[in-house]
Protein backbone atom coordinates (compact mmCIF):
# COMPACT_ATOMS: atom_id res chain seq x y z
CA MET A 1 -50.47 -44.76 -15.29
CA LYS A 2 -49.89 -42.30 -12.11
CA ASP A 3 -47.06 -44.59 -11.25
CA ALA A 4 -45.98 -44.83 -14.84
CA ASN A 5 -45.62 -40.45 -15.34
CA LEU A 6 -43.52 -40.02 -11.73
CA THR A 7 -41.25 -42.35 -12.95
CA SER A 8 -40.81 -40.80 -16.15
CA GLY A 9 -41.13 -37.31 -15.83
CA GLY A 10 -41.23 -36.12 -12.59
CA LEU A 11 -38.48 -38.32 -10.52
CA SER A 12 -35.93 -37.77 -13.61
CA LEU A 13 -36.60 -33.88 -13.37
CA LEU A 14 -35.92 -34.13 -9.49
CA LEU A 15 -32.99 -36.16 -10.24
CA ILE A 16 -31.79 -33.87 -12.33
CA ALA A 17 -32.13 -31.23 -10.40
CA VAL A 18 -30.70 -32.30 -6.98
CA THR A 19 -27.50 -33.54 -9.75
CA VAL A 20 -27.42 -29.86 -10.68
CA ALA A 21 -27.34 -28.20 -7.25
CA VAL A 22 -24.89 -30.01 -5.98
CA ILE A 23 -22.84 -30.07 -8.49
CA ALA A 24 -23.29 -26.04 -8.79
CA PHE A 25 -22.65 -25.99 -5.08
CA VAL A 26 -19.00 -27.68 -4.73
CA VAL A 27 -17.95 -25.98 -7.91
CA TYR A 28 -19.11 -22.97 -6.33
CA ARG A 29 -16.57 -23.79 -2.96
CA ARG A 30 -14.34 -25.00 -5.09
CA ARG A 31 -14.23 -21.52 -6.72
CA GLU A 32 -14.11 -19.64 -3.32
CA THR A 33 -10.93 -22.01 -2.00
CA ALA A 34 -8.76 -20.79 -5.41
CA ALA A 35 -9.90 -17.22 -4.72
CA LEU A 36 -8.73 -17.35 -1.22
CA GLN A 37 -5.70 -18.70 -2.42
CA ARG A 38 -5.36 -16.15 -5.20
CA ASP A 39 -5.26 -13.79 -2.48
CA ALA A 40 -3.49 -15.03 -0.01
CA SER A 41 -0.60 -14.88 -2.94
CA LEU A 42 -1.28 -11.53 -3.52
CA ALA A 43 -0.82 -10.69 -0.16
CA ARG A 44 2.78 -12.21 -0.06
CA ASP A 45 3.19 -9.92 -3.41
CA LEU A 46 2.00 -6.32 -1.24
CA ARG A 47 3.89 -7.22 1.80
CA ASP A 48 7.04 -7.59 -1.01
CA ALA A 49 5.73 -4.07 -2.57
CA ALA A 50 5.28 -2.88 1.06
CA GLY A 51 8.52 -2.65 1.88
CA ASP A 52 9.64 -0.66 5.19
CA ASP A 53 6.69 1.61 4.93
CA ALA A 54 4.26 1.09 8.21
CA VAL A 55 1.27 2.14 6.95
CA ARG A 56 1.49 0.00 3.82
CA LEU A 57 2.31 -2.85 6.20
CA ALA A 58 -0.65 -1.93 8.19
CA ALA A 59 -2.95 -2.22 5.61
CA VAL A 60 -1.25 -5.55 3.80
CA ASP A 61 -1.78 -7.28 7.98
CA GLU A 62 -5.52 -6.11 7.48
CA PHE A 63 -5.80 -8.07 4.36
CA GLU A 64 -4.06 -10.91 5.60
CA THR A 65 -5.93 -11.20 8.73
CA THR A 66 -9.24 -11.04 6.45
CA ILE A 67 -7.90 -14.28 4.31
CA TYR A 68 -6.85 -16.11 7.40
CA GLN A 69 -9.99 -16.10 9.30
CA ARG A 70 -11.57 -17.29 5.86
CA LEU A 71 -8.79 -19.64 5.21
CA PHE A 72 -9.51 -21.12 8.88
CA TYR A 73 -13.06 -21.65 8.54
CA THR A 74 -12.91 -23.01 5.11
CA SER A 75 -10.59 -25.78 5.83
CA VAL A 76 -12.38 -26.66 8.85
CA VAL A 77 -15.93 -26.85 7.65
CA GLY A 78 -15.83 -26.63 3.70
CA PRO A 79 -14.77 -30.38 3.63
CA LYS A 80 -17.34 -31.45 5.84
CA ILE A 81 -20.16 -29.57 3.71
CA ARG A 82 -18.70 -31.02 0.25
CA SER A 83 -18.77 -34.73 1.73
CA ALA A 84 -22.09 -34.07 3.02
CA ALA A 85 -23.25 -32.51 -0.15
CA PHE A 86 -22.02 -35.67 -2.32
CA SER A 87 -23.82 -38.14 0.33
CA LEU A 88 -26.90 -36.64 -0.26
CA LEU A 89 -26.42 -36.88 -3.75
CA GLY A 90 -25.68 -40.16 -2.97
CA LEU A 91 -28.97 -40.64 -0.92
CA ALA A 92 -31.02 -39.25 -4.06
CA LEU A 93 -29.48 -41.29 -6.61
CA SER A 94 -30.13 -44.39 -5.19
CA LEU A 95 -33.47 -43.57 -4.12
CA GLY A 96 -34.45 -42.83 -7.31
CA LEU A 97 -33.19 -45.72 -8.65
CA ALA A 98 -35.08 -47.88 -5.95
CA VAL A 99 -38.23 -46.62 -7.02
CA LEU A 100 -37.40 -47.11 -10.56
CA ILE A 101 -37.08 -50.49 -10.04
CA ALA A 102 -40.02 -51.00 -7.35
CA PRO A 103 -42.50 -52.57 -9.74
CA LEU A 104 -39.73 -54.79 -11.44
CA SER A 105 -40.28 -58.54 -10.09
CA GLY A 106 -37.94 -61.67 -10.39
CA PHE A 107 -34.06 -62.40 -8.83
CA THR A 108 -32.03 -59.70 -10.64
CA ALA A 109 -35.15 -57.11 -9.49
CA THR A 110 -35.06 -58.24 -5.80
CA SER A 111 -30.92 -58.48 -5.91
CA ALA A 112 -31.08 -55.05 -7.23
CA LYS A 113 -33.80 -53.61 -4.71
CA VAL A 114 -31.34 -55.39 -1.76
CA VAL A 115 -28.40 -53.09 -3.49
CA THR A 116 -30.12 -50.03 -3.84
CA GLY A 117 -31.91 -50.22 -0.53
CA ALA A 118 -27.91 -50.82 1.02
CA LEU A 119 -27.08 -47.76 -1.08
CA ALA A 120 -29.33 -45.56 0.15
CA ILE A 121 -29.12 -46.91 3.84
CA GLY A 122 -25.32 -46.02 3.48
CA PHE A 123 -25.46 -42.63 1.92
CA GLY A 124 -28.74 -41.88 4.88
CA ILE A 125 -26.18 -42.62 7.36
CA ALA A 126 -23.02 -40.69 5.36
CA THR A 127 -25.12 -37.78 4.76
CA ILE A 128 -26.29 -37.51 8.81
CA VAL A 129 -23.19 -38.21 9.87
CA PHE A 130 -21.11 -35.56 7.35
CA GLY A 131 -23.97 -32.95 8.44
CA ALA A 132 -23.92 -33.25 11.95
CA TRP A 133 -19.89 -33.31 12.04
CA ALA A 134 -20.13 -29.95 9.43
CA LEU A 135 -22.27 -28.79 12.08
CA TYR A 136 -20.08 -29.49 15.08
CA HIS A 137 -17.67 -27.63 13.64
CA LEU A 138 -19.26 -24.59 12.87
CA ILE A 139 -20.81 -24.51 16.18
CA SER A 140 -17.32 -25.36 17.92
CA THR A 141 -14.80 -24.58 15.84
CA PRO A 142 -13.06 -21.12 17.54
CA ARG A 143 -13.09 -18.45 15.19
CA VAL A 144 -10.02 -16.74 14.41
CA SER A 145 -10.07 -13.22 15.59
CA PHE A 146 -7.56 -10.85 15.98
CA VAL A 147 -9.56 -8.37 17.54
CA GLU A 148 -7.51 -8.27 21.17
CA SER A 149 -4.12 -7.90 19.39
CA TYR A 150 -5.66 -4.40 18.58
CA ALA A 151 -6.81 -3.74 21.86
CA ASP A 152 -4.99 -0.90 23.66
CA ASP A 153 -2.71 -2.42 26.71
CA ASN A 154 -4.35 0.76 28.70
CA ASP A 155 -8.19 -1.41 28.93
CA ASP A 156 -6.30 -3.64 31.46
CA ASP A 157 -6.01 -0.30 34.47
């Protein structure tokens, strides 16, 4: 009786929650990318509007620097994190399906168990690989910084 309650109630709610969380995360990352593209377009327009005014051009340079730093990080690490999230979703769904068909017997059920097991292994490996790849790039990707270009040349003396 407890197994029936697990598969009918708790498991389906867990799978729905994981699916909603992954989709919400991916939508958030896409909105962030769209915002960066809008900011880059705004920077171009501001540069045109600044004309030859040195103060305004300096402000636009600061704004562009911030955008480029965020774009660099987002373009390198973001896709790997999204891939890891989708792989995690595939893992959760394949494991959920495996739990649902576990009590079944017969040739079709056995075939379905083998397929869901293979999917779970594949998505599990993909989750680990994309997660490790994202972590590697998060740690090893150099941060774009323009701090050195703002330092005085007199500091070298």
